[in-house]
Amino acid sequence: MIGIRIMLLSITLLLTPLVGATTPVNKVLVSKEQAVALVQQQYQGKIMKLRTDKRYYRIRVLQRDGRVITVLVDNQTGQVHKDGN
């Protein structure tokens, strides 16, 4: 079931048009649910908190080894990276 969700999310993101010059700067193309799925694909663990900034979702993840990391997801492109990198 999770595999199907991830596959559908991936297809949705691939079919989402790239942000063009005519797209308003603050237009959100990636939902909170999509952002969480993207983070869980790359960083396994429990989602502790999700906060929305202007351009990013800031997601706290409790990893299996007990470490808590903060991951940023661009709400326009879906790009995922650890905070501080």
C-alpha atoms as a PDB file:
ATOM      1  CA  MET A   1       0.000   0.000   0.000  1.00  0.00           C
ATOM      2  CA  ILE A   2       2.789   2.440   0.898  1.00  0.00           C
ATOM      3  CA  GLY A   3       4.614   1.505  -2.306  1.00  0.00           C
ATOM      4  CA  ILE A   4       1.558   2.432  -4.351  1.00  0.00           C
ATOM      5  CA  ARG A   5       1.284   5.793  -2.576  1.00  0.00           C
ATOM      6  CA  ILE A   6       4.946   6.553  -3.189  1.00  0.00           C
ATOM      7  CA  MET A   7       4.624   5.587  -6.849  1.00  0.00           C
ATOM      8  CA  LEU A   8       1.532   7.791  -7.288  1.00  0.00           C
ATOM      9  CA  LEU A   9       3.270  10.677  -5.516  1.00  0.00           C
ATOM     10  CA  SER A  10       6.312  10.290  -7.756  1.00  0.00           C
ATOM     11  CA  ILE A  11       4.157  10.295 -10.887  1.00  0.00           C
ATOM     12  CA  THR A  12       2.285  13.362  -9.647  1.00  0.00           C
ATOM     13  CA  LEU A  13       5.516  15.237  -9.004  1.00  0.00           C
ATOM     14  CA  LEU A  14       6.925  14.257 -12.404  1.00  0.00           C
ATOM     15  CA  LEU A  15       3.807  15.474 -14.174  1.00  0.00           C
ATOM     16  CA  THR A  16       3.685  18.745 -12.250  1.00  0.00           C
ATOM     17  CA  PRO A  17       4.874  21.488 -14.599  1.00  0.00           C
ATOM     18  CA  LEU A  18       8.103  23.242 -13.725  1.00  0.00           C
ATOM     19  CA  VAL A  19       7.811  26.621 -12.076  1.00  0.00           C
ATOM     20  CA  GLY A  20       7.890  29.173 -14.895  1.00  0.00           C
ATOM     21  CA  ALA A  21       8.495  32.880 -14.990  1.00  0.00           C
ATOM     22  CA  THR A  22       4.763  33.546 -14.933  1.00  0.00           C
ATOM     23  CA  THR A  23       4.185  31.498 -11.756  1.00  0.00           C
ATOM     24  CA  PRO A  24       3.634  33.657  -8.657  1.00  0.00           C
ATOM     25  CA  VAL A  25       6.549  33.386  -6.232  1.00  0.00           C
ATOM     26  CA  ASN A  26       4.441  32.181  -3.301  1.00  0.00           C
ATOM     27  CA  LYS A  27       2.391  29.577  -5.158  1.00  0.00           C
ATOM     28  CA  VAL A  28       2.495  26.247  -3.319  1.00  0.00           C
ATOM     29  CA  LEU A  29       2.704  23.256  -5.661  1.00  0.00           C
ATOM     30  CA  VAL A  30       3.688  20.583  -3.130  1.00  0.00           C
ATOM     31  CA  SER A  31       1.169  19.769  -0.382  1.00  0.00           C
ATOM     32  CA  LYS A  32       2.113  18.966   3.212  1.00  0.00           C
ATOM     33  CA  GLU A  33       1.181  15.329   2.614  1.00  0.00           C
ATOM     34  CA  GLN A  34       3.438  15.152  -0.449  1.00  0.00           C
ATOM     35  CA  ALA A  35       6.281  16.775   1.496  1.00  0.00           C
ATOM     36  CA  VAL A  36       5.968  14.191   4.288  1.00  0.00           C
ATOM     37  CA  ALA A  37       5.998  11.336   1.750  1.00  0.00           C
ATOM     38  CA  LEU A  38       9.107  12.747   0.071  1.00  0.00           C
ATOM     39  CA  VAL A  39      10.910  13.034   3.415  1.00  0.00           C
ATOM     40  CA  GLN A  40       9.948   9.508   4.446  1.00  0.00           C
ATOM     41  CA  GLN A  41      11.381   8.169   1.180  1.00  0.00           C
ATOM     42  CA  GLN A  42      14.800   9.619   1.968  1.00  0.00           C
ATOM     43  CA  TYR A  43      14.937   9.735   5.772  1.00  0.00           C
ATOM     44  CA  GLN A  44      13.269   6.854   7.524  1.00  0.00           C
ATOM     45  CA  GLY A  45      11.827   7.613  10.915  1.00  0.00           C
ATOM     46  CA  LYS A  46       8.878   9.136  12.697  1.00  0.00           C
ATOM     47  CA  ILE A  47       7.647  12.585  11.681  1.00  0.00           C
ATOM     48  CA  MET A  48       7.620  14.668  14.849  1.00  0.00           C
ATOM     49  CA  LYS A  49       6.676  18.128  13.600  1.00  0.00           C
ATOM     50  CA  LEU A  50       5.901  19.991  10.404  1.00  0.00           C
ATOM     51  CA  ARG A  51       6.187  23.758  10.142  1.00  0.00           C
ATOM     52  CA  THR A  52       5.468  25.886   7.095  1.00  0.00           C
ATOM     53  CA  ASP A  53       7.762  28.770   6.191  1.00  0.00           C
ATOM     54  CA  LYS A  54       7.259  31.014   3.160  1.00  0.00           C
ATOM     55  CA  ARG A  55       9.052  28.734   0.712  1.00  0.00           C
ATOM     56  CA  TYR A  56       9.760  25.542   2.689  1.00  0.00           C
ATOM     57  CA  TYR A  57       8.170  22.893   4.838  1.00  0.00           C
ATOM     58  CA  ARG A  58      10.459  22.319   7.829  1.00  0.00           C
ATOM     59  CA  ILE A  59       9.977  18.734   9.005  1.00  0.00           C
ATOM     60  CA  ARG A  60      11.483  17.215  12.171  1.00  0.00           C
ATOM     61  CA  VAL A  61      12.230  13.490  11.927  1.00  0.00           C
ATOM     62  CA  LEU A  62      13.042  11.129  14.797  1.00  0.00           C
ATOM     63  CA  GLN A  63      15.356   8.543  13.289  1.00  0.00           C
ATOM     64  CA  ARG A  64      15.679   4.929  14.415  1.00  0.00           C
ATOM     65  CA  ASP A  65      18.964   5.639  16.209  1.00  0.00           C
ATOM     66  CA  GLY A  66      17.273   8.313  18.347  1.00  0.00           C
ATOM     67  CA  ARG A  67      18.676  11.340  16.511  1.00  0.00           C
ATOM     68  CA  VAL A  68      16.311  14.135  15.511  1.00  0.00           C
ATOM     69  CA  ILE A  69      17.020  15.843  12.201  1.00  0.00           C
ATOM     70  CA  THR A  70      15.367  18.756  10.446  1.00  0.00           C
ATOM     71  CA  VAL A  71      14.617  18.343   6.760  1.00  0.00           C
ATOM     72  CA  LEU A  72      13.539  21.120   4.397  1.00  0.00           C
ATOM     73  CA  VAL A  73      11.184  20.551   1.469  1.00  0.00           C
ATOM     74  CA  ASP A  74      10.795  23.299  -1.118  1.00  0.00           C
ATOM     75  CA  ASN A  75       7.020  23.791  -1.429  1.00  0.00           C
ATOM     76  CA  GLN A  76       7.320  24.731  -5.105  1.00  0.00           C
ATOM     77  CA  THR A  77       9.780  22.152  -6.468  1.00  0.00           C
ATOM     78  CA  GLY A  78       9.627  19.310  -3.919  1.00  0.00           C
ATOM     79  CA  GLN A  79      13.401  19.378  -3.484  1.00  0.00           C
ATOM     80  CA  VAL A  80      14.402  17.731  -0.165  1.00  0.00           C
ATOM     81  CA  HIS A  81      17.545  18.399   1.880  1.00  0.00           C
ATOM     82  CA  LYS A  82      18.718  18.328   5.477  1.00  0.00           C
ATOM     83  CA  ASP A  83      18.738  21.674   7.228  1.00  0.00           C
ATOM     84  CA  GLY A  84      22.239  23.090   7.455  1.00  0.00           C
ATOM     85  CA  ASN A  85      23.485  21.418   4.237  1.00  0.00           C
END
